[in-house]
Amino acid sequence: MQDFGDVEQLKALFAKFASPVRLKVRYDDSDLGQGIHSFIQDFCQLSDKLLWEAEEARGIPGIEIFREDGSPVGIVYHAVPGGHEFQSFLLALYNTAGPGQEVATEVVEQAKAIGSRMKIQVMMTLSCNQCPEAVTAAQRLATLSDNVTAEIFDVIRFQDIIDKYKIKGVPCIVINDEHVTFGKKNINEMLALLQAAED
């Protein structure tokens, strides 16, 4: 069993979930694939609000988050959620299960008004203390808008991504594979990036 810290505190969080969440693990024989499979297998033993299944990856290994009814939220982790990112992973689950973090009404309205498909990719490292804010912002927008997806990458495992976007620091945020930004972003700043990419 992996060390998840204060288990009683985690169970108190899961008790607040309005509904269960479903996690689909796509794994292979790589360190990442085996790592996420082992992580979820242990993690989901903490609560009956955490449902999971596993299948062999056809592409990059990852953990995808679904609502209780099986509909995708649009959040995928290509990482073993640990270090500074364990908390942002928990928030992604809480925001999916409901009630979720409070968000200003105008942010909710603007997120729902996004009319184009927007893919946010956040490249982070588990040791980065600037990354969780950008990760959390991207994930929260994905839970608010059917047109927004958020993919989270532990970028040290993806040299091809580092080369493609010439990443020299994290967080690196990429919108629709072309708009590249560096530095931490809160939800308002992330929303502004999406709106600028949509214009």
N, C-alpha and C. Protein backbone atom coordinates (compact mmCIF):
# COMPACT_ATOMS: atom_id res chain seq x y z
N MET A 1 0.85 -1.20 0.00
CA MET A 1 0.00 0.00 0.00
C MET A 1 0.88 1.25 0.00
N GLN A 2 0.56 2.18 -0.85
CA GLN A 2 1.34 3.41 -0.94
C GLN A 2 1.00 4.35 0.22
N ASP A 3 1.91 5.27 0.49
CA ASP A 3 1.71 6.25 1.55
C ASP A 3 0.99 7.46 0.99
N PHE A 4 -0.26 7.65 1.41
CA PHE A 4 -1.04 8.79 0.93
C PHE A 4 -1.15 9.89 1.98
N GLY A 5 -0.32 9.81 3.00
CA GLY A 5 -0.34 10.84 4.03
C GLY A 5 -1.44 10.58 5.05
N ASP A 6 -2.15 11.64 5.42
CA ASP A 6 -3.20 11.56 6.45
C ASP A 6 -4.45 10.92 5.85
N VAL A 7 -4.60 9.62 6.06
CA VAL A 7 -5.71 8.88 5.46
C VAL A 7 -7.06 9.34 6.01
N GLU A 8 -7.12 9.68 7.29
CA GLU A 8 -8.38 10.14 7.87
C GLU A 8 -8.83 11.45 7.25
N GLN A 9 -7.87 12.31 6.96
CA GLN A 9 -8.19 13.58 6.29
C GLN A 9 -8.71 13.32 4.88
N LEU A 10 -8.12 12.37 4.20
CA LEU A 10 -8.59 12.00 2.86
C LEU A 10 -10.00 11.45 2.92
N LYS A 11 -10.26 10.59 3.88
CA LYS A 11 -11.60 10.00 4.01
C LYS A 11 -12.65 11.07 4.31
N ALA A 12 -12.25 12.09 5.06
CA ALA A 12 -13.17 13.21 5.34
C ALA A 12 -13.50 13.96 4.05
N LEU A 13 -12.49 14.09 3.16
CA LEU A 13 -12.74 14.73 1.87
C LEU A 13 -13.68 13.89 1.02
N PHE A 14 -13.41 12.59 0.94
CA PHE A 14 -14.25 11.72 0.12
C PHE A 14 -15.70 11.70 0.63
N ALA A 15 -15.89 11.87 1.93
CA ALA A 15 -17.23 11.89 2.50
C ALA A 15 -18.04 13.08 2.01
N LYS A 16 -17.33 14.13 1.56
CA LYS A 16 -18.01 15.33 1.05
C LYS A 16 -18.46 15.16 -0.40
N PHE A 17 -17.97 14.12 -1.08
CA PHE A 17 -18.31 13.94 -2.50
C PHE A 17 -19.82 13.76 -2.65
N ALA A 18 -20.43 14.53 -3.54
CA ALA A 18 -21.87 14.40 -3.80
C ALA A 18 -22.19 13.12 -4.56
N SER A 19 -21.23 12.62 -5.31
CA SER A 19 -21.43 11.38 -6.07
C SER A 19 -20.07 10.72 -6.27
N PRO A 20 -20.05 9.43 -6.57
CA PRO A 20 -18.77 8.77 -6.86
C PRO A 20 -18.15 9.31 -8.14
N VAL A 21 -16.86 9.08 -8.29
CA VAL A 21 -16.17 9.37 -9.55
C VAL A 21 -15.58 8.07 -10.08
N ARG A 22 -15.45 8.01 -11.39
CA ARG A 22 -14.87 6.83 -12.05
C ARG A 22 -13.51 7.19 -12.62
N LEU A 23 -12.57 6.30 -12.43
CA LEU A 23 -11.22 6.51 -12.94
C LEU A 23 -10.88 5.37 -13.88
N LYS A 24 -10.43 5.72 -15.07
CA LYS A 24 -10.00 4.70 -16.02
C LYS A 24 -8.49 4.81 -16.18
N VAL A 25 -7.80 3.72 -15.87
CA VAL A 25 -6.35 3.67 -15.99
C VAL A 25 -5.99 3.01 -17.31
N ARG A 26 -5.23 3.72 -18.12
CA ARG A 26 -4.71 3.13 -19.36
C ARG A 26 -3.21 2.93 -19.14
N TYR A 27 -2.79 1.66 -19.13
CA TYR A 27 -1.43 1.35 -18.71
C TYR A 27 -0.70 0.50 -19.74
N ASP A 28 0.63 0.47 -19.63
CA ASP A 28 1.45 -0.41 -20.44
C ASP A 28 2.62 -0.87 -19.56
N ASP A 29 3.68 -1.37 -20.16
CA ASP A 29 4.79 -1.90 -19.39
C ASP A 29 5.82 -0.84 -19.00
N SER A 30 5.59 0.41 -19.39
CA SER A 30 6.52 1.49 -19.05
C SER A 30 6.46 1.79 -17.56
N ASP A 31 7.47 2.52 -17.07
CA ASP A 31 7.46 2.94 -15.66
C ASP A 31 6.22 3.77 -15.35
N LEU A 32 5.85 4.67 -16.28
CA LEU A 32 4.66 5.49 -16.07
C LEU A 32 3.41 4.62 -16.04
N GLY A 33 3.28 3.72 -17.00
CA GLY A 33 2.10 2.86 -17.08
C GLY A 33 1.93 2.00 -15.84
N GLN A 34 3.02 1.41 -15.38
CA GLN A 34 2.96 0.56 -14.19
C GLN A 34 2.75 1.41 -12.93
N GLY A 35 3.34 2.60 -12.93
CA GLY A 35 3.21 3.49 -11.77
C GLY A 35 1.79 3.96 -11.54
N ILE A 36 1.11 4.37 -12.62
CA ILE A 36 -0.26 4.85 -12.44
C ILE A 36 -1.21 3.70 -12.10
N HIS A 37 -0.95 2.51 -12.65
CA HIS A 37 -1.80 1.36 -12.34
C HIS A 37 -1.69 1.02 -10.85
N SER A 38 -0.47 0.98 -10.34
CA SER A 38 -0.25 0.67 -8.93
C SER A 38 -0.84 1.74 -8.03
N PHE A 39 -0.66 3.01 -8.42
CA PHE A 39 -1.17 4.13 -7.63
C PHE A 39 -2.69 4.04 -7.48
N ILE A 40 -3.40 3.88 -8.60
CA ILE A 40 -4.86 3.88 -8.56
C ILE A 40 -5.40 2.65 -7.84
N GLN A 41 -4.75 1.53 -8.04
CA GLN A 41 -5.17 0.30 -7.38
C GLN A 41 -5.19 0.49 -5.85
N ASP A 42 -4.17 1.13 -5.32
CA ASP A 42 -4.10 1.39 -3.87
C ASP A 42 -5.00 2.55 -3.46
N PHE A 43 -4.97 3.61 -4.25
CA PHE A 43 -5.71 4.83 -3.91
C PHE A 43 -7.21 4.56 -3.80
N CYS A 44 -7.75 3.79 -4.73
CA CYS A 44 -9.20 3.59 -4.76
C CYS A 44 -9.70 2.67 -3.65
N GLN A 45 -8.78 2.08 -2.90
CA GLN A 45 -9.18 1.30 -1.73
C GLN A 45 -9.57 2.20 -0.56
N LEU A 46 -9.29 3.49 -0.67
CA LEU A 46 -9.55 4.42 0.42
C LEU A 46 -11.02 4.78 0.55
N SER A 47 -11.82 4.61 -0.52
CA SER A 47 -13.22 5.03 -0.45
C SER A 47 -14.06 4.32 -1.49
N ASP A 48 -15.32 4.05 -1.13
CA ASP A 48 -16.24 3.47 -2.11
C ASP A 48 -16.77 4.53 -3.07
N LYS A 49 -16.34 5.79 -2.88
CA LYS A 49 -16.69 6.85 -3.83
C LYS A 49 -15.73 6.87 -5.02
N LEU A 50 -14.70 6.03 -4.96
CA LEU A 50 -13.68 5.97 -6.01
C LEU A 50 -13.83 4.64 -6.76
N LEU A 51 -14.31 4.70 -7.98
CA LEU A 51 -14.52 3.51 -8.80
C LEU A 51 -13.47 3.50 -9.89
N TRP A 52 -12.95 2.33 -10.23
CA TRP A 52 -11.89 2.33 -11.24
C TRP A 52 -11.92 1.07 -12.09
N GLU A 53 -11.33 1.20 -13.26
CA GLU A 53 -11.11 0.07 -14.15
C GLU A 53 -9.82 0.33 -14.91
N ALA A 54 -9.26 -0.73 -15.46
CA ALA A 54 -7.98 -0.59 -16.16
C ALA A 54 -8.07 -1.25 -17.52
N GLU A 55 -7.35 -0.70 -18.47
CA GLU A 55 -7.25 -1.30 -19.79
C GLU A 55 -5.87 -0.98 -20.36
N GLU A 56 -5.42 -1.79 -21.28
CA GLU A 56 -4.12 -1.53 -21.88
C GLU A 56 -4.17 -0.26 -22.72
N ALA A 57 -3.14 0.54 -22.61
CA ALA A 57 -3.09 1.81 -23.32
C ALA A 57 -2.86 1.59 -24.80
N ARG A 58 -3.59 2.33 -25.61
CA ARG A 58 -3.36 2.32 -27.06
C ARG A 58 -2.47 3.49 -27.44
N GLY A 59 -2.31 4.41 -26.53
CA GLY A 59 -1.44 5.57 -26.76
C GLY A 59 -0.60 5.80 -25.52
N ILE A 60 -0.61 7.03 -25.04
CA ILE A 60 0.17 7.38 -23.84
C ILE A 60 -0.58 6.88 -22.60
N PRO A 61 0.11 6.24 -21.67
CA PRO A 61 -0.56 5.84 -20.43
C PRO A 61 -1.14 7.05 -19.70
N GLY A 62 -2.25 6.84 -19.02
CA GLY A 62 -2.85 7.95 -18.29
C GLY A 62 -4.00 7.52 -17.40
N ILE A 63 -4.46 8.46 -16.60
CA ILE A 63 -5.62 8.28 -15.74
C ILE A 63 -6.67 9.27 -16.21
N GLU A 64 -7.81 8.77 -16.68
CA GLU A 64 -8.89 9.66 -17.13
C GLU A 64 -10.01 9.66 -16.10
N ILE A 65 -10.57 10.84 -15.87
CA ILE A 65 -11.61 11.01 -14.85
C ILE A 65 -12.98 11.08 -15.52
N PHE A 66 -13.92 10.32 -14.97
CA PHE A 66 -15.29 10.28 -15.48
C PHE A 66 -16.27 10.56 -14.34
N ARG A 67 -17.43 11.08 -14.71
CA ARG A 67 -18.51 11.24 -13.73
C ARG A 67 -19.11 9.87 -13.41
N GLU A 68 -19.97 9.84 -12.42
CA GLU A 68 -20.57 8.58 -11.99
C GLU A 68 -21.32 7.89 -13.13
N ASP A 69 -21.96 8.69 -14.01
CA ASP A 69 -22.74 8.12 -15.10
C ASP A 69 -21.87 7.64 -16.27
N GLY A 70 -20.56 7.79 -16.14
CA GLY A 70 -19.65 7.32 -17.18
C GLY A 70 -19.29 8.36 -18.21
N SER A 71 -19.82 9.58 -18.07
CA SER A 71 -19.49 10.63 -19.04
C SER A 71 -18.13 11.24 -18.70
N PRO A 72 -17.30 11.48 -19.71
CA PRO A 72 -15.95 12.02 -19.44
C PRO A 72 -16.00 13.48 -19.01
N VAL A 73 -15.15 13.82 -18.07
CA VAL A 73 -15.05 15.21 -17.62
C VAL A 73 -14.15 16.00 -18.55
N GLY A 74 -13.19 15.29 -19.16
CA GLY A 74 -12.22 15.96 -20.02
C GLY A 74 -10.89 16.18 -19.32
N ILE A 75 -10.62 15.41 -18.27
CA ILE A 75 -9.36 15.54 -17.52
C ILE A 75 -8.60 14.23 -17.61
N VAL A 76 -7.34 14.31 -18.05
CA VAL A 76 -6.48 13.13 -18.12
C VAL A 76 -5.13 13.48 -17.49
N TYR A 77 -4.65 12.61 -16.62
CA TYR A 77 -3.33 12.74 -16.00
C TYR A 77 -2.38 11.77 -16.66
N HIS A 78 -1.33 12.30 -17.29
CA HIS A 78 -0.24 11.45 -17.78
C HIS A 78 0.89 11.57 -16.74
N ALA A 79 0.59 11.11 -15.56
CA ALA A 79 1.49 11.28 -14.42
C ALA A 79 1.00 10.39 -13.29
N VAL A 80 1.91 10.05 -12.40
CA VAL A 80 1.52 9.44 -11.13
C VAL A 80 1.31 10.60 -10.17
N PRO A 81 0.07 10.87 -9.75
CA PRO A 81 -0.18 12.08 -8.96
C PRO A 81 0.50 12.03 -7.59
N GLY A 82 1.60 12.71 -7.47
CA GLY A 82 2.35 12.73 -6.22
C GLY A 82 3.02 14.07 -6.05
N GLY A 83 3.85 14.19 -5.02
CA GLY A 83 4.52 15.45 -4.78
C GLY A 83 3.52 16.58 -4.64
N HIS A 84 3.83 17.71 -5.27
CA HIS A 84 2.95 18.87 -5.20
C HIS A 84 1.64 18.64 -5.95
N GLU A 85 1.58 17.63 -6.81
CA GLU A 85 0.39 17.43 -7.63
C GLU A 85 -0.66 16.50 -7.01
N PHE A 86 -0.37 15.91 -5.86
CA PHE A 86 -1.37 15.05 -5.23
C PHE A 86 -2.61 15.86 -4.86
N GLN A 87 -2.39 17.07 -4.34
CA GLN A 87 -3.51 17.92 -3.94
C GLN A 87 -4.34 18.35 -5.14
N SER A 88 -3.69 18.67 -6.25
CA SER A 88 -4.46 19.10 -7.43
C SER A 88 -5.26 17.93 -8.00
N PHE A 89 -4.73 16.71 -7.88
CA PHE A 89 -5.47 15.53 -8.31
C PHE A 89 -6.71 15.34 -7.44
N LEU A 90 -6.56 15.51 -6.14
CA LEU A 90 -7.71 15.41 -5.24
C LEU A 90 -8.78 16.45 -5.59
N LEU A 91 -8.33 17.66 -5.92
CA LEU A 91 -9.28 18.72 -6.29
C LEU A 91 -10.01 18.37 -7.59
N ALA A 92 -9.32 17.75 -8.53
CA ALA A 92 -9.97 17.34 -9.77
C ALA A 92 -11.10 16.36 -9.47
N LEU A 93 -10.87 15.45 -8.55
CA LEU A 93 -11.90 14.48 -8.17
C LEU A 93 -13.06 15.17 -7.45
N TYR A 94 -12.74 16.06 -6.53
CA TYR A 94 -13.76 16.79 -5.77
C TYR A 94 -14.63 17.65 -6.69
N ASN A 95 -13.97 18.31 -7.66
CA ASN A 95 -14.71 19.16 -8.60
C ASN A 95 -15.58 18.33 -9.54
N THR A 96 -15.18 17.09 -9.80
CA THR A 96 -15.99 16.20 -10.62
C THR A 96 -17.17 15.64 -9.83
N ALA A 97 -16.90 15.23 -8.61
CA ALA A 97 -17.94 14.61 -7.78
C ALA A 97 -18.97 15.62 -7.31
N GLY A 98 -18.53 16.88 -7.14
CA GLY A 98 -19.37 17.90 -6.56
C GLY A 98 -19.31 17.82 -5.04
N PRO A 99 -19.59 18.90 -4.35
CA PRO A 99 -19.96 20.21 -4.90
C PRO A 99 -18.81 20.96 -5.56
N GLY A 100 -17.58 20.64 -5.23
CA GLY A 100 -16.44 21.28 -5.87
C GLY A 100 -16.08 22.62 -5.25
N GLN A 101 -14.94 23.14 -5.72
CA GLN A 101 -14.47 24.44 -5.23
C GLN A 101 -15.42 25.55 -5.70
N GLU A 102 -15.59 26.54 -4.85
CA GLU A 102 -16.40 27.69 -5.25
C GLU A 102 -15.67 28.49 -6.33
N VAL A 103 -16.44 28.92 -7.31
CA VAL A 103 -15.89 29.70 -8.42
C VAL A 103 -16.80 30.91 -8.62
N ALA A 104 -16.20 32.05 -8.90
CA ALA A 104 -16.99 33.27 -9.12
C ALA A 104 -18.00 33.06 -10.24
N THR A 105 -19.19 33.61 -10.07
CA THR A 105 -20.27 33.43 -11.05
C THR A 105 -19.85 33.84 -12.45
N GLU A 106 -19.11 34.95 -12.55
CA GLU A 106 -18.71 35.43 -13.88
C GLU A 106 -17.73 34.46 -14.56
N VAL A 107 -16.90 33.78 -13.76
CA VAL A 107 -15.99 32.78 -14.33
C VAL A 107 -16.78 31.59 -14.86
N VAL A 108 -17.76 31.15 -14.09
CA VAL A 108 -18.62 30.03 -14.53
C VAL A 108 -19.31 30.38 -15.83
N GLU A 109 -19.89 31.59 -15.90
CA GLU A 109 -20.61 32.03 -17.09
C GLU A 109 -19.70 32.12 -18.30
N GLN A 110 -18.50 32.67 -18.10
CA GLN A 110 -17.56 32.80 -19.22
C GLN A 110 -17.04 31.44 -19.68
N ALA A 111 -16.84 30.54 -18.73
CA ALA A 111 -16.39 29.19 -19.09
C ALA A 111 -17.45 28.48 -19.92
N LYS A 112 -18.69 28.60 -19.51
CA LYS A 112 -19.79 27.95 -20.23
C LYS A 112 -20.02 28.58 -21.60
N ALA A 113 -19.56 29.84 -21.76
CA ALA A 113 -19.76 30.55 -23.03
C ALA A 113 -18.71 30.20 -24.07
N ILE A 114 -17.69 29.44 -23.69
CA ILE A 114 -16.66 29.06 -24.66
C ILE A 114 -17.29 28.16 -25.71
N GLY A 115 -17.26 28.61 -26.96
CA GLY A 115 -17.98 27.90 -28.01
C GLY A 115 -17.14 26.98 -28.87
N SER A 116 -15.81 27.08 -28.75
CA SER A 116 -14.92 26.26 -29.56
C SER A 116 -14.27 25.19 -28.68
N ARG A 117 -13.85 24.11 -29.33
CA ARG A 117 -13.14 23.07 -28.59
C ARG A 117 -11.77 23.58 -28.17
N MET A 118 -11.49 23.51 -26.88
CA MET A 118 -10.24 24.01 -26.34
C MET A 118 -9.53 22.90 -25.57
N LYS A 119 -8.32 22.58 -26.01
CA LYS A 119 -7.51 21.57 -25.32
C LYS A 119 -6.38 22.27 -24.59
N ILE A 120 -6.40 22.15 -23.27
CA ILE A 120 -5.32 22.70 -22.46
C ILE A 120 -4.38 21.55 -22.10
N GLN A 121 -3.10 21.74 -22.36
CA GLN A 121 -2.09 20.80 -21.90
C GLN A 121 -1.20 21.54 -20.91
N VAL A 122 -1.06 20.98 -19.73
CA VAL A 122 -0.18 21.58 -18.73
C VAL A 122 0.99 20.63 -18.50
N MET A 123 2.19 21.11 -18.83
CA MET A 123 3.41 20.34 -18.62
C MET A 123 4.00 20.76 -17.28
N MET A 124 4.13 19.81 -16.38
CA MET A 124 4.59 20.13 -15.04
C MET A 124 5.60 19.08 -14.58
N THR A 125 6.19 19.33 -13.41
CA THR A 125 6.97 18.30 -12.72
C THR A 125 6.42 18.20 -11.30
N LEU A 126 6.57 17.04 -10.71
CA LEU A 126 6.00 16.79 -9.39
C LEU A 126 6.69 17.60 -8.29
N SER A 127 7.88 18.11 -8.58
CA SER A 127 8.62 18.90 -7.59
C SER A 127 8.39 20.40 -7.73
N CYS A 128 7.63 20.80 -8.73
CA CYS A 128 7.40 22.23 -9.02
C CYS A 128 6.30 22.78 -8.11
N ASN A 129 6.63 23.83 -7.33
CA ASN A 129 5.60 24.41 -6.47
C ASN A 129 4.79 25.50 -7.16
N GLN A 130 5.14 25.83 -8.40
CA GLN A 130 4.39 26.81 -9.19
C GLN A 130 3.32 26.12 -10.06
N CYS A 131 3.47 24.82 -10.26
CA CYS A 131 2.62 24.10 -11.22
C CYS A 131 1.20 23.82 -10.76
N PRO A 132 0.97 23.48 -9.48
CA PRO A 132 -0.38 23.08 -9.09
C PRO A 132 -1.46 24.12 -9.38
N GLU A 133 -1.15 25.40 -9.29
CA GLU A 133 -2.16 26.42 -9.55
C GLU A 133 -2.62 26.35 -11.01
N ALA A 134 -1.67 26.19 -11.94
CA ALA A 134 -2.04 26.07 -13.36
C ALA A 134 -2.79 24.78 -13.63
N VAL A 135 -2.35 23.69 -13.01
CA VAL A 135 -3.02 22.40 -13.18
C VAL A 135 -4.46 22.49 -12.67
N THR A 136 -4.63 23.04 -11.48
CA THR A 136 -5.96 23.14 -10.88
C THR A 136 -6.87 24.04 -11.70
N ALA A 137 -6.33 25.14 -12.21
CA ALA A 137 -7.14 26.05 -13.03
C ALA A 137 -7.62 25.37 -14.31
N ALA A 138 -6.72 24.66 -14.97
CA ALA A 138 -7.09 23.96 -16.21
C ALA A 138 -8.17 22.91 -15.93
N GLN A 139 -7.98 22.15 -14.87
CA GLN A 139 -8.94 21.10 -14.53
C GLN A 139 -10.30 21.68 -14.17
N ARG A 140 -10.29 22.78 -13.41
CA ARG A 140 -11.57 23.37 -12.99
C ARG A 140 -12.35 23.85 -14.21
N LEU A 141 -11.67 24.45 -15.17
CA LEU A 141 -12.35 24.91 -16.38
C LEU A 141 -12.91 23.73 -17.18
N ALA A 142 -12.21 22.60 -17.16
CA ALA A 142 -12.71 21.41 -17.85
C ALA A 142 -13.99 20.90 -17.20
N THR A 143 -14.10 21.03 -15.87
CA THR A 143 -15.34 20.59 -15.20
C THR A 143 -16.49 21.56 -15.43
N LEU A 144 -16.17 22.80 -15.80
CA LEU A 144 -17.20 23.82 -15.99
C LEU A 144 -17.70 23.90 -17.43
N SER A 145 -16.88 23.49 -18.39
CA SER A 145 -17.23 23.63 -19.81
C SER A 145 -17.08 22.32 -20.56
N ASP A 146 -18.10 21.95 -21.30
CA ASP A 146 -18.03 20.74 -22.12
C ASP A 146 -17.04 20.89 -23.27
N ASN A 147 -16.65 22.13 -23.57
CA ASN A 147 -15.74 22.38 -24.69
C ASN A 147 -14.27 22.42 -24.28
N VAL A 148 -14.00 22.28 -23.00
CA VAL A 148 -12.61 22.39 -22.51
C VAL A 148 -12.13 21.04 -21.98
N THR A 149 -10.95 20.64 -22.41
CA THR A 149 -10.31 19.45 -21.86
C THR A 149 -8.96 19.86 -21.27
N ALA A 150 -8.51 19.09 -20.28
CA ALA A 150 -7.24 19.38 -19.63
C ALA A 150 -6.42 18.09 -19.56
N GLU A 151 -5.23 18.15 -20.13
CA GLU A 151 -4.30 17.02 -20.05
C GLU A 151 -3.08 17.47 -19.26
N ILE A 152 -2.72 16.67 -18.27
CA ILE A 152 -1.62 17.01 -17.38
C ILE A 152 -0.47 16.04 -17.63
N PHE A 153 0.72 16.57 -17.90
CA PHE A 153 1.89 15.75 -18.22
C PHE A 153 2.99 15.96 -17.19
N ASP A 154 3.50 14.86 -16.64
CA ASP A 154 4.76 14.90 -15.88
C ASP A 154 5.86 14.94 -16.93
N VAL A 155 6.27 16.15 -17.28
CA VAL A 155 7.00 16.36 -18.52
C VAL A 155 8.38 15.70 -18.55
N ILE A 156 8.96 15.42 -17.38
CA ILE A 156 10.27 14.77 -17.40
C ILE A 156 10.19 13.37 -18.01
N ARG A 157 8.99 12.83 -18.13
CA ARG A 157 8.80 11.52 -18.75
C ARG A 157 8.57 11.62 -20.27
N PHE A 158 8.53 12.85 -20.78
CA PHE A 158 8.16 13.05 -22.19
C PHE A 158 9.17 13.97 -22.89
N GLN A 159 10.30 13.41 -23.27
CA GLN A 159 11.33 14.21 -23.92
C GLN A 159 10.84 14.77 -25.24
N ASP A 160 9.95 14.05 -25.93
CA ASP A 160 9.43 14.54 -27.21
C ASP A 160 8.63 15.83 -27.03
N ILE A 161 7.91 15.94 -25.92
CA ILE A 161 7.15 17.16 -25.65
C ILE A 161 8.10 18.30 -25.28
N ILE A 162 9.12 18.01 -24.50
CA ILE A 162 10.13 19.02 -24.15
C ILE A 162 10.76 19.59 -25.42
N ASP A 163 11.09 18.70 -26.35
CA ASP A 163 11.72 19.13 -27.60
C ASP A 163 10.74 19.91 -28.48
N LYS A 164 9.50 19.41 -28.56
CA LYS A 164 8.51 20.04 -29.44
C LYS A 164 8.24 21.48 -29.06
N TYR A 165 8.08 21.74 -27.76
CA TYR A 165 7.72 23.08 -27.31
C TYR A 165 8.90 23.85 -26.72
N LYS A 166 10.11 23.25 -26.86
CA LYS A 166 11.34 23.91 -26.37
C LYS A 166 11.17 24.33 -24.90
N ILE A 167 10.75 23.39 -24.10
CA ILE A 167 10.45 23.68 -22.70
C ILE A 167 11.74 23.76 -21.88
N LYS A 168 11.94 24.91 -21.26
CA LYS A 168 13.09 25.11 -20.40
C LYS A 168 12.66 25.34 -18.95
N GLY A 169 11.37 25.44 -18.73
CA GLY A 169 10.85 25.63 -17.38
C GLY A 169 9.38 25.24 -17.33
N VAL A 170 8.89 25.02 -16.13
CA VAL A 170 7.49 24.65 -15.93
C VAL A 170 6.88 25.57 -14.87
N PRO A 171 5.55 25.71 -14.91
CA PRO A 171 4.62 25.06 -15.84
C PRO A 171 4.67 25.66 -17.24
N CYS A 172 4.45 24.79 -18.21
CA CYS A 172 4.27 25.20 -19.60
C CYS A 172 2.84 24.86 -19.99
N ILE A 173 2.13 25.84 -20.51
CA ILE A 173 0.72 25.66 -20.86
C ILE A 173 0.58 25.79 -22.37
N VAL A 174 -0.04 24.80 -22.98
CA VAL A 174 -0.23 24.81 -24.43
C VAL A 174 -1.73 24.70 -24.72
N ILE A 175 -2.24 25.65 -25.48
CA ILE A 175 -3.66 25.65 -25.87
C ILE A 175 -3.77 25.20 -27.32
N ASN A 176 -4.54 24.16 -27.55
CA ASN A 176 -4.79 23.65 -28.91
C ASN A 176 -3.51 23.41 -29.71
N ASP A 177 -2.50 22.90 -29.03
CA ASP A 177 -1.24 22.49 -29.66
C ASP A 177 -0.41 23.63 -30.25
N GLU A 178 -0.84 24.89 -30.06
CA GLU A 178 -0.10 25.96 -30.72
C GLU A 178 0.18 27.19 -29.86
N HIS A 179 -0.69 27.53 -28.95
CA HIS A 179 -0.48 28.72 -28.13
C HIS A 179 0.27 28.31 -26.86
N VAL A 180 1.53 28.72 -26.75
CA VAL A 180 2.41 28.25 -25.67
C VAL A 180 2.69 29.40 -24.70
N THR A 181 2.48 29.12 -23.42
CA THR A 181 2.70 30.10 -22.36
C THR A 181 3.44 29.43 -21.21
N PHE A 182 4.26 30.19 -20.51
CA PHE A 182 4.99 29.66 -19.36
C PHE A 182 4.60 30.42 -18.10
N GLY A 183 4.71 29.76 -16.97
CA GLY A 183 4.45 30.41 -15.68
C GLY A 183 3.11 30.02 -15.10
N LYS A 184 2.99 30.18 -13.78
CA LYS A 184 1.76 29.77 -13.11
C LYS A 184 0.60 30.68 -13.52
N LYS A 185 -0.58 30.11 -13.55
CA LYS A 185 -1.77 30.85 -13.96
C LYS A 185 -2.92 30.47 -13.02
N ASN A 186 -3.67 31.47 -12.56
CA ASN A 186 -4.87 31.17 -11.80
C ASN A 186 -6.03 30.97 -12.78
N ILE A 187 -7.21 30.70 -12.26
CA ILE A 187 -8.32 30.35 -13.15
C ILE A 187 -8.71 31.52 -14.06
N ASN A 188 -8.62 32.74 -13.56
CA ASN A 188 -8.96 33.90 -14.40
C ASN A 188 -7.95 34.06 -15.54
N GLU A 189 -6.68 33.86 -15.22
CA GLU A 189 -5.64 33.98 -16.24
C GLU A 189 -5.74 32.84 -17.26
N MET A 190 -6.08 31.66 -16.80
CA MET A 190 -6.25 30.52 -17.71
C MET A 190 -7.44 30.75 -18.63
N LEU A 191 -8.51 31.26 -18.08
CA LEU A 191 -9.69 31.58 -18.88
C LEU A 191 -9.36 32.62 -19.95
N ALA A 192 -8.56 33.60 -19.58
CA ALA A 192 -8.15 34.64 -20.54
C ALA A 192 -7.33 34.03 -21.67
N LEU A 193 -6.50 33.05 -21.38
CA LEU A 193 -5.73 32.36 -22.43
C LEU A 193 -6.67 31.66 -23.41
N LEU A 194 -7.70 31.03 -22.87
CA LEU A 194 -8.67 30.34 -23.75
C LEU A 194 -9.42 31.33 -24.61
N GLN A 195 -9.83 32.44 -24.01
CA GLN A 195 -10.59 33.44 -24.77
C GLN A 195 -9.73 34.06 -25.86
N ALA A 196 -8.44 34.27 -25.58
CA ALA A 196 -7.54 34.83 -26.59
C ALA A 196 -7.31 33.82 -27.72
N ALA A 197 -7.24 32.55 -27.39
CA ALA A 197 -7.04 31.52 -28.40
C ALA A 197 -8.28 31.34 -29.26
N GLU A 198 -9.44 31.65 -28.69
CA GLU A 198 -10.71 31.49 -29.40
C GLU A 198 -10.95 32.63 -30.38
N ASP A 199 -10.39 33.82 -30.06
CA ASP A 199 -10.62 35.01 -30.92
C ASP A 199 -9.98 34.85 -32.29
